[in-house]
Amino acid sequence: MADNSTLVSETGRSLLADTSVLDSKIIETSKENVFPGSVLDVEEEMPQIETRVVLVQEAGKHEELLKALEEIKVPYIKTDTIEELGDSDSPEFETIFVVSDFQDSTFNNLCKADCRVIGPPVVLHCAQKGEALPFSCRPLYCASMLNLVLCFTGFRKKDELVKLVTLVHHMGGIIRRDFSSKVTHLVASSTHGDKFRIAVSLGTPIMKAEWIYKAWEKRNEIDFCAADDDFRNQFKVPPFQDCMLSFLGFSDDERANMEEMTEMQGGHYLPVGDERCTHLVVEESTVKDLPFEPLKKLYVVKQEWFWGSIQMDARAGESMYLFEKSESPGLKKSVSLLSLNTPNSNRKRRRLKETLAQLTRETDMSPFPPQTPKSCARPSKNSTPLPLKQSARWQVAKELYQTESNYVDILTTIIQLFQVPLEKEGQLGGPILAQEEIKTIFGSIPDILDVHIKIKEDLEDLMINWTENKSIGDIILKYSKDLLKTYPPFVNFFEMSKETITRCEKQKPRFHAFLKINQAKPECGRQSLAELLIRPVQRLPSVALLLNDIKKHTAEENPDKVTLERAIESLKEVMTHINEDKRKTEAQKQFFDVVYEVDGCPANLLSSHRSLVQRLETVALGDDLCDRGEQVTLFLFNDCLEIARKRHKVIGAFKSPHGHTRPPASLKHVVLMPLSQIKKVLDIRETEDCHKAFALVVRPPTELNNKLLSFQMTTEEPPKEDWLKMLCRHVANTICKADAENLIYTADPDSVEVNTKDMDSTLSRASRAIKKTSKKVTRAFSFSKTPKRALRRALMSHSATEGRSPSSANESYIGSRLTSTSSLAGVPSPSLVSLPSIFEKRSHTLSRSTTHLI
């Protein structure tokens, strides 16, 4: 196999010359011939020449290669030396040589003779695609760079460039001397020069030379493509390669963050004033003048250049971000390469300016100046001259309109400044966020904006044509259904939206840079995206308060008084609906939290009618479900009880398809019990040897007798009495009984053989540890691991042969844990003993000596 250390062409062609002329000729004849999908019509008029493949040396021993040639029905011969063939330039055959080593003397001799030479991967690729062998004037080893057009810049060593060009040709790539829009990749040795700048502006990937070398190492992988995003992104030229950065005017925390980002993006940072520095990044809002005279080679740039480079994933041009002294009025308003289409038209500016002016005027002045903007100067038949002093109702209505206008501007800023650029196709450096993440962050914001634009227009029309009898409530009622439709989806998932922003900002430097650039713009008012997104959550309550205020200042005989009450009720209905949906959403999230936390959790736990009521941490006091003393978690749902124990060994974390790492499951599923199986709930009395204990009398459908499951609570909340009442209430609801209190019984610890005295002692913990270790050892040295059911059947049949019925044996041993053969002779578990005359009703003391509950 060819070594990838030195590869120099000996064909007589100059590889350093512009190959575009030769490549253009090749492209004209090979666009449909390199891995063709169809045959040219010209071939019908030309004489057919048979293609013959010659497998040279090691290629003839390649079994897969031979099968591939048979599949594409191409005749082949094997040879150890090309001299055996004599003159290969025969008019009867088109000879193609298959060579495994593109470095040995045989390959060089074939190149000197101007023969067609290909590598084994080309044949295997054609067989896989069902295509004919390609035509290529150059040796072609593989197709990993097929259809890629490369341009080089910054290389000073001729030998290195020759080697890279040769490898690209061997992998099917095309070289261009001049950069154009047809170039798919720029291979750069430095970040300076016109080619680099043009590639950045066009969004062309800029690669290191290592990309070509690593692609050549994978030349024998048939399905490998050098342009694959995951592979290519490993070798992209980082934005700050060859850059030495200093930072001036930033806080300590912000400077430390920017220095860390600099190293992550391939650069280095130096103290301010170091002569080796190439870029001085300045916080223009705090720095008015430089503390020293910069050198000519030093770029003094605004911080937008820094964040813009990270966002584009390439070094931005410095000329558009140069820092100038504050005395220069001409540069106060610079144009950014990353400027976005924001709502900054003249009409919009005038309206915002007027709104701002209105907010600062005295309350007795009209919100509309004598020279009303054209957008507001819509004549109306009902318009009447406004008196010099307006009523209190008008004042509050004006505030409602102004806040609505500001709210629409904020929503517009969110969409135009953040959402639209993130969704834009063809972003420099590729998409900043995945579509799922964008949808999670912004949700139904566009729909909310559409509704409020209509509300604002109606309020504006009302204020222009104001009379005291104008109905404000009708406007809100008109859009109440739209509000009910658009708000719940956003408000319910607002916390998830904030979490997504935080996570993406930490994990994706380009998104962090995107937020830094846009949050610093005046449209945001120095607010973060998360702070802007909370406005829809706050809007409806504030509107309801303003409507209440308007109602207070509305006369009783005004028809709008009743309408305002209905409007307020409609808003309350929307907010109630939001709260109910939010509770449902949170309940569903809790469901999934339980599923992820409990290993082996049954899939049927997930149900639309089921909700999580309470979680309780306990310790097992019996041996039925798990070993005594093990930590057990009870998840009470409205119709079932999930019981899980703590895992003894936690394995690696779970990683979702989107790359989000979840913590490993800390619990192991034991049983999912319908509440209908719980027959009694025992409140075990507090004694010196028994604290915070309770038990459940249950009867599984497959068992003949009841079981006693006993637990000790390990937390202070909820109190035991509250927990037992809550449990009984849901049991009663499940079995359709109204008397939930009748399910609770009081029992003495001794009567059910339950105690908690030794649960926290050192000796008890050591005993449990030895017990677990002995079980592991027993299992490890067991050559025939007999299933528990088989042991139980064997025990029951043995009991029957000695005159005992299977049912009696079953009554004695049902539910006990059979962990080893030594336990076959054990006595029944204390938690399974019959419980006659031990229960006592809370309401009164009643002997139950004749009734067996278990």
Foldseek 3Di string as FASTA:
>chain_A
DADLPADFAPLPDDLPDFCPVVVVVCCVVFVQQAQHPDDDPVVVVDDDAAEEEEEEDPSVVDPLLVVLCVLLVHHYDYDDAPVVVPDPPDPRYQYEYEDAYCPDPRNNVCSNVQHHYEYSLQSNLCSVVVTDRGDDSDYAHEQQAAQAEEEEPDDDDPSLVSSLSNLCVNNRYHYGHDDDPSHQEYAYPDCDDDNNQVCLVQLRFYFYSVLSVVVSVCRNPNPHHSPPPVSGVVTTQFAQAVAEEEEPDDDPVVRVVLQVVQVVRHHHYDYPPDPSHQEYEYAQVGDQDDPDDDDPNHAYFYCLQSLVSQLLRHRHDRPQTGDDHPVDPVPPDTDDPPDFDAPDDPVVVVVVVLLVVLVPDDLQCASADPPGDPVLPDDDPLADDDDSGDAPLLSLLVVLLSVLVVLLLLLRCLCRLPLVVQPDPPGNVGHQDDPVLSCLQCPLSVLVSVLSVQLNVVSSVCSRRDDLLDANLVSLVVCLVSLLVRQLRCVLSLVVNVVSLVVSCVVGSSSVSSQVNRCPDVSNVNDGSNVSSCCSVVPLVVSLVSLVSSLVRRDPVRPNNVSSVVSSVSSVVSVVSSVVSSVLSVQVVVVVVVVQQEPPDDPVVDDSVKGWDDKFWWFWQFPQQHDGLFIWMWTDMLFKIWIWTFDPDWDDWDADPVGDTDRTHGIYTGDIGTLLQFQAKEDEDDDPFADQKIWTWGDDPVDPHTFITMIHTDDPPPPSVVVQLVSLVSSCVNVVHDCSLVRYWYFYCVLLVTGCNCSPDPVVVVVVVVVVVVLVVQVVPDPDPDDPVVVLVVLLVVCVVVVDHSVVSCLFAPSHDCSDPVCSPPGRISRSDWRAQGIQRPVGGDGRNPDTPD
